[in-house]
Every structure is written in structure tokens, then in C-alpha cells.
PDB file of N, CA and C in Angstrom:
ATOM      1  N   MET A   1       4.456  -6.099 -23.644  1.00  0.00           N
ATOM      2  CA  MET A   1       4.560  -7.016 -24.688  1.00  0.00           C
ATOM      3  C   MET A   1       4.066  -8.287 -25.584  1.00  0.00           C
ATOM      4  N   LEU A   2       3.875  -9.268 -24.638  1.00  0.00           N
ATOM      5  CA  LEU A   2       3.322 -10.220 -24.335  1.00  0.00           C
ATOM      6  C   LEU A   2       1.903 -10.435 -23.724  1.00  0.00           C
ATOM      7  N   CYS A   3       1.711  -9.240 -23.108  1.00  0.00           N
ATOM      8  CA  CYS A   3       0.138  -9.302 -22.567  1.00  0.00           C
ATOM      9  C   CYS A   3      -1.128  -9.014 -23.320  1.00  0.00           C
ATOM     10  N   PHE A   4      -1.019  -8.843 -24.475  1.00  0.00           N
ATOM     11  CA  PHE A   4      -2.417  -8.150 -24.742  1.00  0.00           C
ATOM     12  C   PHE A   4      -3.260  -9.288 -25.332  1.00  0.00           C
ATOM     13  N   PRO A   5      -2.148 -10.653 -26.173  1.00  0.00           N
ATOM     14  CA  PRO A   5      -2.446 -11.496 -26.785  1.00  0.00           C
ATOM     15  C   PRO A   5      -3.012 -12.490 -25.571  1.00  0.00           C
ATOM     16  N   ARG A   6      -2.718 -12.453 -24.074  1.00  0.00           N
ATOM     17  CA  ARG A   6      -2.613 -13.978 -23.893  1.00  0.00           C
ATOM     18  C   ARG A   6      -3.956 -12.897 -22.858  1.00  0.00           C
ATOM     19  N   LEU A   7      -4.257 -11.720 -22.488  1.00  0.00           N
ATOM     20  CA  LEU A   7      -5.467 -11.261 -21.916  1.00  0.00           C
ATOM     21  C   LEU A   7      -6.534 -11.515 -22.834  1.00  0.00           C
ATOM     22  N   GLU A   8      -6.507 -11.651 -24.165  1.00  0.00           N
ATOM     23  CA  GLU A   8      -7.448 -11.141 -24.912  1.00  0.00           C
ATOM     24  C   GLU A   8      -7.644 -12.620 -25.255  1.00  0.00           C
ATOM     25  N   THR A   9      -7.356 -13.534 -24.299  1.00  0.00           N
ATOM     26  CA  THR A   9      -7.453 -14.599 -24.527  1.00  0.00           C
ATOM     27  C   THR A   9      -7.879 -15.086 -23.694  1.00  0.00           C
ATOM     28  N   GLY A  10      -8.223 -14.179 -22.429  1.00  0.00           N
ATOM     29  CA  GLY A  10      -8.484 -14.848 -21.110  1.00  0.00           C
ATOM     30  C   GLY A  10      -7.395 -15.256 -20.321  1.00  0.00           C
ATOM     31  N   GLN A  11      -6.105 -15.156 -20.702  1.00  0.00           N
ATOM     32  CA  GLN A  11      -5.319 -15.841 -20.194  1.00  0.00           C
ATOM     33  C   GLN A  11      -4.325 -14.594 -18.639  1.00  0.00           C
ATOM     34  N   PRO A  12      -3.960 -14.512 -17.807  1.00  0.00           N
ATOM     35  CA  PRO A  12      -3.059 -13.906 -17.272  1.00  0.00           C
ATOM     36  C   PRO A  12      -2.106 -13.590 -18.391  1.00  0.00           C
ATOM     37  N   PRO A  13      -1.436 -12.580 -17.703  1.00  0.00           N
ATOM     38  CA  PRO A  13      -0.250 -11.827 -18.165  1.00  0.00           C
ATOM     39  C   PRO A  13       1.008 -12.613 -18.033  1.00  0.00           C
ATOM     40  N   ALA A  14       1.936 -12.774 -19.027  1.00  0.00           N
ATOM     41  CA  ALA A  14       2.966 -13.981 -18.421  1.00  0.00           C
ATOM     42  C   ALA A  14       3.909 -13.360 -16.894  1.00  0.00           C
ATOM     43  N   CYS A  15       4.247 -11.792 -16.660  1.00  0.00           N
ATOM     44  CA  CYS A  15       4.503 -12.090 -15.417  1.00  0.00           C
ATOM     45  C   CYS A  15       3.803 -12.150 -14.248  1.00  0.00           C
ATOM     46  N   PHE A  16       2.699 -12.183 -14.651  1.00  0.00           N
ATOM     47  CA  PHE A  16       2.033 -13.094 -13.412  1.00  0.00           C
ATOM     48  C   PHE A  16       1.899 -13.928 -12.948  1.00  0.00           C
ATOM     49  N   HIS A  17       2.759 -15.076 -13.546  1.00  0.00           N
ATOM     50  CA  HIS A  17       3.609 -16.017 -13.061  1.00  0.00           C
ATOM     51  C   HIS A  17       5.120 -16.332 -12.805  1.00  0.00           C
ATOM     52  N   SER A  18       5.888 -14.987 -13.482  1.00  0.00           N
ATOM     53  CA  SER A  18       6.791 -15.062 -13.222  1.00  0.00           C
ATOM     54  C   SER A  18       7.668 -14.099 -12.053  1.00  0.00           C
ATOM     55  N   CYS A  19       7.126 -13.218 -11.590  1.00  0.00           N
ATOM     56  CA  CYS A  19       7.178 -11.979 -11.216  1.00  0.00           C
ATOM     57  C   CYS A  19       8.040 -12.694  -9.724  1.00  0.00           C
ATOM     58  N   VAL A  20       9.354 -11.974  -9.447  1.00  0.00           N
ATOM     59  CA  VAL A  20       9.847 -12.377  -8.643  1.00  0.00           C
ATOM     60  C   VAL A  20       9.638 -11.215  -7.551  1.00  0.00           C
ATOM     61  N   GLY A  21       9.100 -10.583  -7.806  1.00  0.00           N
ATOM     62  CA  GLY A  21       8.007  -8.973  -6.788  1.00  0.00           C
ATOM     63  C   GLY A  21       7.081  -9.997  -6.038  1.00  0.00           C
ATOM     64  N   ARG A  22       6.894 -10.196  -6.134  1.00  0.00           N
ATOM     65  CA  ARG A  22       5.677 -10.835  -6.173  1.00  0.00           C
ATOM     66  C   ARG A  22       4.369 -10.235  -6.303  1.00  0.00           C
ATOM     67  N   ILE A  23       4.557  -9.484  -7.279  1.00  0.00           N
ATOM     68  CA  ILE A  23       3.503  -8.761  -7.566  1.00  0.00           C
ATOM     69  C   ILE A  23       2.259  -8.875  -8.757  1.00  0.00           C
ATOM     70  N   ARG A  24       1.523 -10.380  -8.006  1.00  0.00           N
ATOM     71  CA  ARG A  24       0.541 -11.266  -8.548  1.00  0.00           C
ATOM     72  C   ARG A  24      -0.416 -11.314  -8.641  1.00  0.00           C
ATOM     73  N   TYR A  25      -1.793  -9.636  -8.790  1.00  0.00           N
ATOM     74  CA  TYR A  25      -2.590  -9.883  -8.356  1.00  0.00           C
ATOM     75  C   TYR A  25      -2.773  -8.877  -9.890  1.00  0.00           C
ATOM     76  N   LEU A  26      -4.194  -9.181 -10.317  1.00  0.00           N
ATOM     77  CA  LEU A  26      -4.619  -8.805 -11.205  1.00  0.00           C
ATOM     78  C   LEU A  26      -5.901  -8.944 -11.151  1.00  0.00           C
ATOM     79  N   GLY A  27      -6.634  -7.250 -11.228  1.00  0.00           N
ATOM     80  CA  GLY A  27      -7.740  -7.024 -11.027  1.00  0.00           C
ATOM     81  C   GLY A  27      -8.247  -5.755 -11.137  1.00  0.00           C
ATOM     82  N   VAL A  28      -9.618  -5.665 -11.249  1.00  0.00           N
ATOM     83  CA  VAL A  28      -9.896  -4.013 -11.945  1.00  0.00           C
ATOM     84  C   VAL A  28     -10.209  -3.091 -10.691  1.00  0.00           C
ATOM     85  N   LEU A  29      -9.900  -1.826 -11.545  1.00  0.00           N
ATOM     86  CA  LEU A  29      -9.557  -0.437 -10.607  1.00  0.00           C
ATOM     87  C   LEU A  29     -10.765   0.578 -11.089  1.00  0.00           C
ATOM     88  N   LEU A  30     -11.386   1.307 -10.602  1.00  0.00           N
ATOM     89  CA  LEU A  30     -11.817   2.913 -10.978  1.00  0.00           C
ATOM     90  C   LEU A  30     -10.785   3.536 -10.790  1.00  0.00           C
ATOM     91  N   TYR A  31     -10.553   4.277 -12.216  1.00  0.00           N
ATOM     92  CA  TYR A  31      -9.496   5.047 -11.623  1.00  0.00           C
ATOM     93  C   TYR A  31     -10.719   6.658 -12.253  1.00  0.00           C
ATOM     94  N   ASP A  32      -9.527   7.807 -12.018  1.00  0.00           N
ATOM     95  CA  ASP A  32     -10.426   9.354 -12.427  1.00  0.00           C
ATOM     96  C   ASP A  32      -9.391   9.353 -13.526  1.00  0.00           C
ATOM     97  N   GLY A  33     -10.283   9.201 -15.023  1.00  0.00           N
ATOM     98  CA  GLY A  33      -9.412   9.396 -16.197  1.00  0.00           C
ATOM     99  C   GLY A  33      -9.262  10.455 -16.534  1.00  0.00           C
ATOM    100  N   ASP A  34      -9.827  11.360 -16.190  1.00  0.00           N
ATOM    101  CA  ASP A  34      -9.338  13.384 -16.173  1.00  0.00           C
ATOM    102  C   ASP A  34      -8.218  13.757 -15.794  1.00  0.00           C
ATOM    103  N   ARG A  35      -7.635  13.316 -14.775  1.00  0.00           N
ATOM    104  CA  ARG A  35      -6.628  13.683 -14.317  1.00  0.00           C
ATOM    105  C   ARG A  35      -5.139  13.179 -14.797  1.00  0.00           C
ATOM    106  N   ILE A  36      -5.545  11.938 -15.916  1.00  0.00           N
ATOM    107  CA  ILE A  36      -4.079  10.961 -16.271  1.00  0.00           C
ATOM    108  C   ILE A  36      -3.190  12.373 -16.952  1.00  0.00           C
ATOM    109  N   GLN A  37      -3.660  13.295 -17.491  1.00  0.00           N
ATOM    110  CA  GLN A  37      -2.568  14.133 -18.243  1.00  0.00           C
ATOM    111  C   GLN A  37      -1.821  14.696 -17.213  1.00  0.00           C
ATOM    112  N   GLU A  38      -2.691  14.968 -16.417  1.00  0.00           N
ATOM    113  CA  GLU A  38      -2.048  16.367 -15.159  1.00  0.00           C
ATOM    114  C   GLU A  38      -1.348  15.424 -14.750  1.00  0.00           C
ATOM    115  N   ILE A  39      -1.484  14.109 -14.043  1.00  0.00           N
ATOM    116  CA  ILE A  39      -0.016  12.934 -13.283  1.00  0.00           C
ATOM    117  C   ILE A  39       0.609  12.864 -14.141  1.00  0.00           C
ATOM    118  N   ALA A  40       0.161  12.898 -15.140  1.00  0.00           N
ATOM    119  CA  ALA A  40       1.447  11.489 -16.002  1.00  0.00           C
ATOM    120  C   ALA A  40       2.777  12.816 -16.119  1.00  0.00           C
ATOM    121  N   SER A  41       1.809  14.009 -16.029  1.00  0.00           N
ATOM    122  CA  SER A  41       3.007  15.747 -15.745  1.00  0.00           C
ATOM    123  C   SER A  41       3.583  16.302 -14.338  1.00  0.00           C
ATOM    124  N   CYS A  42       3.431  15.325 -14.048  1.00  0.00           N
ATOM    125  CA  CYS A  42       3.924  15.552 -12.384  1.00  0.00           C
ATOM    126  C   CYS A  42       5.413  15.315 -12.300  1.00  0.00           C
ATOM    127  N   ASP A  43       6.409  16.481 -11.620  1.00  0.00           N
ATOM    128  CA  ASP A  43       7.289  15.952 -10.556  1.00  0.00           C
ATOM    129  C   ASP A  43       7.519  14.579 -10.709  1.00  0.00           C
ATOM    130  N   GLU A  44       8.338  13.570 -10.528  1.00  0.00           N
ATOM    131  CA  GLU A  44       8.326  12.435 -10.920  1.00  0.00           C
ATOM    132  C   GLU A  44       8.522  12.369  -9.488  1.00  0.00           C
ATOM    133  N   SER A  45       8.821  13.198  -8.929  1.00  0.00           N
ATOM    134  CA  SER A  45       9.459  12.522  -6.971  1.00  0.00           C
ATOM    135  C   SER A  45       7.697  12.431  -6.460  1.00  0.00           C
ATOM    136  N   GLU A  46       6.911  13.001  -7.044  1.00  0.00           N
ATOM    137  CA  GLU A  46       5.314  13.177  -6.502  1.00  0.00           C
ATOM    138  C   GLU A  46       4.355  11.704  -7.326  1.00  0.00           C
ATOM    139  N   LEU A  47       5.166  11.521  -8.065  1.00  0.00           N
ATOM    140  CA  LEU A  47       3.938  10.489  -9.418  1.00  0.00           C
ATOM    141  C   LEU A  47       4.015   9.212  -8.572  1.00  0.00           C
ATOM    142  N   VAL A  48       4.314   8.292  -7.739  1.00  0.00           N
ATOM    143  CA  VAL A  48       3.330   7.154  -6.833  1.00  0.00           C
ATOM    144  C   VAL A  48       3.019   7.847  -6.429  1.00  0.00           C
ATOM    145  N   THR A  49       2.595   8.678  -5.428  1.00  0.00           N
ATOM    146  CA  THR A  49       1.826   9.536  -4.753  1.00  0.00           C
ATOM    147  C   THR A  49       0.175  10.517  -5.659  1.00  0.00           C
ATOM    148  N   LYS A  50       1.017  10.781  -6.526  1.00  0.00           N
ATOM    149  CA  LYS A  50      -0.381  11.138  -7.683  1.00  0.00           C
ATOM    150  C   LYS A  50      -0.682   9.285  -8.020  1.00  0.00           C
ATOM    151  N   GLN A  51      -0.296   9.261  -9.052  1.00  0.00           N
ATOM    152  CA  GLN A  51      -0.847   8.048  -8.846  1.00  0.00           C
ATOM    153  C   GLN A  51      -1.732   7.549  -7.939  1.00  0.00           C
ATOM    154  N   ARG A  52      -1.159   6.696  -6.728  1.00  0.00           N
ATOM    155  CA  ARG A  52      -2.533   6.704  -6.360  1.00  0.00           C
ATOM    156  C   ARG A  52      -3.642   7.023  -6.243  1.00  0.00           C
ATOM    157  N   GLU A  53      -3.041   8.878  -5.994  1.00  0.00           N
ATOM    158  CA  GLU A  53      -4.877   9.650  -6.213  1.00  0.00           C
ATOM    159  C   GLU A  53      -6.186   9.364  -7.264  1.00  0.00           C
ATOM    160  N   LEU A  54      -4.891   9.217  -8.539  1.00  0.00           N
ATOM    161  CA  LEU A  54      -5.714   8.424  -9.276  1.00  0.00           C
ATOM    162  C   LEU A  54      -6.882   7.600  -9.031  1.00  0.00           C
ATOM    163  N   ILE A  55      -6.655   6.476  -8.185  1.00  0.00           N
ATOM    164  CA  ILE A  55      -7.446   5.675  -7.405  1.00  0.00           C
ATOM    165  C   ILE A  55      -8.436   5.835  -6.660  1.00  0.00           C
ATOM    166  N   GLN A  56      -9.514   5.279  -7.371  1.00  0.00           N
ATOM    167  CA  GLN A  56     -10.398   5.762  -6.808  1.00  0.00           C
ATOM    168  C   GLN A  56     -11.944   4.399  -5.452  1.00  0.00           C
ATOM    169  N   ASN A  57     -12.876   4.811  -4.048  1.00  0.00           N
ATOM    170  CA  ASN A  57     -13.199   3.961  -3.995  1.00  0.00           C
ATOM    171  C   ASN A  57     -14.184   3.214  -4.537  1.00  0.00           C
ATOM    172  N   PRO A  58     -14.490   1.770  -5.226  1.00  0.00           N
ATOM    173  CA  PRO A  58     -15.295   1.405  -5.616  1.00  0.00           C
ATOM    174  C   PRO A  58     -16.868   1.222  -4.819  1.00  0.00           C
ATOM    175  N   PHE A  59     -16.545   1.625  -3.604  1.00  0.00           N
ATOM    176  CA  PHE A  59     -17.629   1.006  -3.014  1.00  0.00           C
ATOM    177  C   PHE A  59     -17.999   2.610  -2.236  1.00  0.00           C
ATOM    178  N   ALA A  60     -17.626   3.245  -2.370  1.00  0.00           N
ATOM    179  CA  ALA A  60     -17.791   5.379  -2.308  1.00  0.00           C
ATOM    180  C   ALA A  60     -18.680   5.236  -3.233  1.00  0.00           C
ATOM    181  N   PRO A  61     -20.074   5.745  -2.936  1.00  0.00           N
ATOM    182  CA  PRO A  61     -21.481   6.366  -3.597  1.00  0.00           C
ATOM    183  C   PRO A  61     -21.129   7.320  -4.536  1.00  0.00           C
ATOM    184  N   GLU A  62     -20.534   8.156  -4.200  1.00  0.00           N
ATOM    185  CA  GLU A  62     -20.417   9.129  -5.078  1.00  0.00           C
ATOM    186  C   GLU A  62     -19.520   8.386  -6.344  1.00  0.00           C
ATOM    187  N   VAL A  63     -18.687   8.086  -6.430  1.00  0.00           N
ATOM    188  CA  VAL A  63     -18.078   7.090  -7.350  1.00  0.00           C
ATOM    189  C   VAL A  63     -18.360   6.193  -8.195  1.00  0.00           C
ATOM    190  N   ILE A  64     -19.295   5.393  -7.646  1.00  0.00           N
ATOM    191  CA  ILE A  64     -20.325   4.730  -8.181  1.00  0.00           C
ATOM    192  C   ILE A  64     -21.353   5.607  -8.943  1.00  0.00           C
ATOM    193  N   ALA A  65     -21.785   6.187  -8.464  1.00  0.00           N
ATOM    194  CA  ALA A  65     -22.759   7.094  -9.107  1.00  0.00           C
ATOM    195  C   ALA A  65     -21.943   8.130 -10.517  1.00  0.00           C
ATOM    196  N   GLN A  66     -21.210   8.730 -10.652  1.00  0.00           N
ATOM    197  CA  GLN A  66     -19.701   9.110 -11.524  1.00  0.00           C
ATOM    198  C   GLN A  66     -20.115   7.599 -12.698  1.00  0.00           C
ATOM    199  N   ALA A  67     -19.080   6.727 -12.245  1.00  0.00           N
ATOM    200  CA  ALA A  67     -19.341   5.715 -13.148  1.00  0.00           C
ATOM    201  C   ALA A  67     -20.176   4.953 -13.552  1.00  0.00           C
ATOM    202  N   GLU A  68     -21.343   4.704 -12.820  1.00  0.00           N
ATOM    203  CA  GLU A  68     -22.256   4.971 -13.720  1.00  0.00           C
ATOM    204  C   GLU A  68     -22.835   5.600 -14.671  1.00  0.00           C
ATOM    205  N   LYS A  69     -22.718   6.725 -14.645  1.00  0.00           N
ATOM    206  CA  LYS A  69     -22.843   8.322 -15.605  1.00  0.00           C
ATOM    207  C   LYS A  69     -21.991   8.470 -16.754  1.00  0.00           C
ATOM    208  N   ASP A  70     -20.902   7.889 -15.933  1.00  0.00           N
ATOM    209  CA  ASP A  70     -20.100   8.157 -17.190  1.00  0.00           C
ATOM    210  C   ASP A  70     -20.146   6.645 -18.058  1.00  0.00           C
ATOM    211  N   GLY A  71     -21.134   5.852 -18.101  1.00  0.00           N
ATOM    212  CA  GLY A  71     -21.018   4.353 -18.877  1.00  0.00           C
ATOM    213  C   GLY A  71     -20.334   2.849 -18.811  1.00  0.00           C
ATOM    214  N   VAL A  72     -20.258   3.572 -17.383  1.00  0.00           N
ATOM    215  CA  VAL A  72     -19.418   2.423 -16.636  1.00  0.00           C
ATOM    216  C   VAL A  72     -20.386   1.529 -16.766  1.00  0.00           C
ATOM    217  N   ASN A  73     -20.441  -0.334 -17.338  1.00  0.00           N
ATOM    218  CA  ASN A  73     -21.508  -0.837 -16.632  1.00  0.00           C
ATOM    219  C   ASN A  73     -21.091  -1.420 -15.254  1.00  0.00           C
ATOM    220  N   THR A  74     -22.785  -1.867 -15.010  1.00  0.00           N
ATOM    221  CA  THR A  74     -22.497  -2.095 -13.824  1.00  0.00           C
ATOM    222  C   THR A  74     -21.191  -3.869 -12.729  1.00  0.00           C
ATOM    223  N   SER A  75     -21.232  -4.356 -13.864  1.00  0.00           N
ATOM    224  CA  SER A  75     -20.622  -5.887 -14.193  1.00  0.00           C
ATOM    225  C   SER A  75     -19.198  -5.261 -13.607  1.00  0.00           C
ATOM    226  N   VAL A  76     -18.726  -3.278 -14.188  1.00  0.00           N
ATOM    227  CA  VAL A  76     -17.385  -3.898 -14.368  1.00  0.00           C
ATOM    228  C   VAL A  76     -16.940  -3.154 -12.735  1.00  0.00           C
ATOM    229  N   ILE A  77     -18.061  -2.428 -12.206  1.00  0.00           N
ATOM    230  CA  ILE A  77     -17.958  -1.536 -10.767  1.00  0.00           C
ATOM    231  C   ILE A  77     -18.388  -2.762  -9.252  1.00  0.00           C
ATOM    232  N   GLU A  78     -18.840  -3.885  -9.776  1.00  0.00           N
ATOM    233  CA  GLU A  78     -19.134  -5.255  -8.897  1.00  0.00           C
ATOM    234  C   GLU A  78     -17.745  -5.417  -9.149  1.00  0.00           C
ATOM    235  N   ALA A  79     -16.554  -5.564 -10.005  1.00  0.00           N
ATOM    236  CA  ALA A  79     -15.808  -6.740 -10.736  1.00  0.00           C
ATOM    237  C   ALA A  79     -14.866  -5.968  -9.326  1.00  0.00           C
ATOM    238  N   ALA A  80     -14.531  -4.455  -9.530  1.00  0.00           N
ATOM    239  CA  ALA A  80     -13.717  -2.903  -9.174  1.00  0.00           C
ATOM    240  C   ALA A  80     -13.772  -3.487  -7.423  1.00  0.00           C
ATOM    241  N   GLN A  81     -15.309  -3.776  -7.053  1.00  0.00           N
ATOM    242  CA  GLN A  81     -15.462  -4.436  -5.822  1.00  0.00           C
ATOM    243  C   GLN A  81     -15.384  -5.399  -4.878  1.00  0.00           C
ATOM    244  N   LYS A  82     -14.588  -6.430  -5.882  1.00  0.00           N
ATOM    245  CA  LYS A  82     -14.145  -7.491  -5.335  1.00  0.00           C
ATOM    246  C   LYS A  82     -13.026  -7.284  -5.935  1.00  0.00           C
ATOM    247  N   SER A  83     -12.406  -6.428  -6.847  1.00  0.00           N
ATOM    248  CA  SER A  83     -10.649  -7.036  -7.022  1.00  0.00           C
ATOM    249  C   SER A  83     -10.198  -6.999  -5.854  1.00  0.00           C
ATOM    250  N   PRO A  84      -9.150  -7.518  -5.504  1.00  0.00           N
ATOM    251  CA  PRO A  84      -7.769  -7.882  -4.600  1.00  0.00           C
ATOM    252  C   PRO A  84      -6.855  -6.131  -4.760  1.00  0.00           C
ATOM    253  N   VAL A  85      -6.824  -6.070  -6.366  1.00  0.00           N
ATOM    254  CA  VAL A  85      -5.964  -4.190  -6.068  1.00  0.00           C
ATOM    255  C   VAL A  85      -6.751  -3.318  -5.541  1.00  0.00           C
TER     256      VAL A  85
END
């Protein structure tokens, strides 16, 4: 709820500063958007594993080629490569 107004003004989300679980990484991920419905519909016991399968390696040539084909800007690909997440 508090994230969008902060993000659109260039600020990190409020939880970034206050997270007691030290989950403070903020960055760019490339993911397989075609599989979102499949993953969201999986059994709850498989959810975390399946969600991780969505994340793509931003250094893999085939991932870069597909991202470019899908219209992902080069700066986004580079940001994903530099991302701490």
C-alpha cells in the first residue's frame, strides 16, 4: 500500500528500511511472465520452488535474446545483471 507512491518518486518502499527479517534487497529480476498463471495455480507446497523457477539468469544468452525480442530495454537487462537480487 505504501510502496507505489514511494517508488514512483524514486524512494525505496517503507519496508526496505524497517524489515526485521533483513530482506532489504531491492533490484531487478527477469522472469518468465508466460508461466505466472501456471505457478500461481500450483499446489501451495510447491509454491516457493515454482516461484524460483520463474526467475531467469540475466547473463544467459538465450534469456538476453528473448528479453530483447520481447522489447525489454537494454538498460533493464543491465540492471538485472547488476541487481543484488
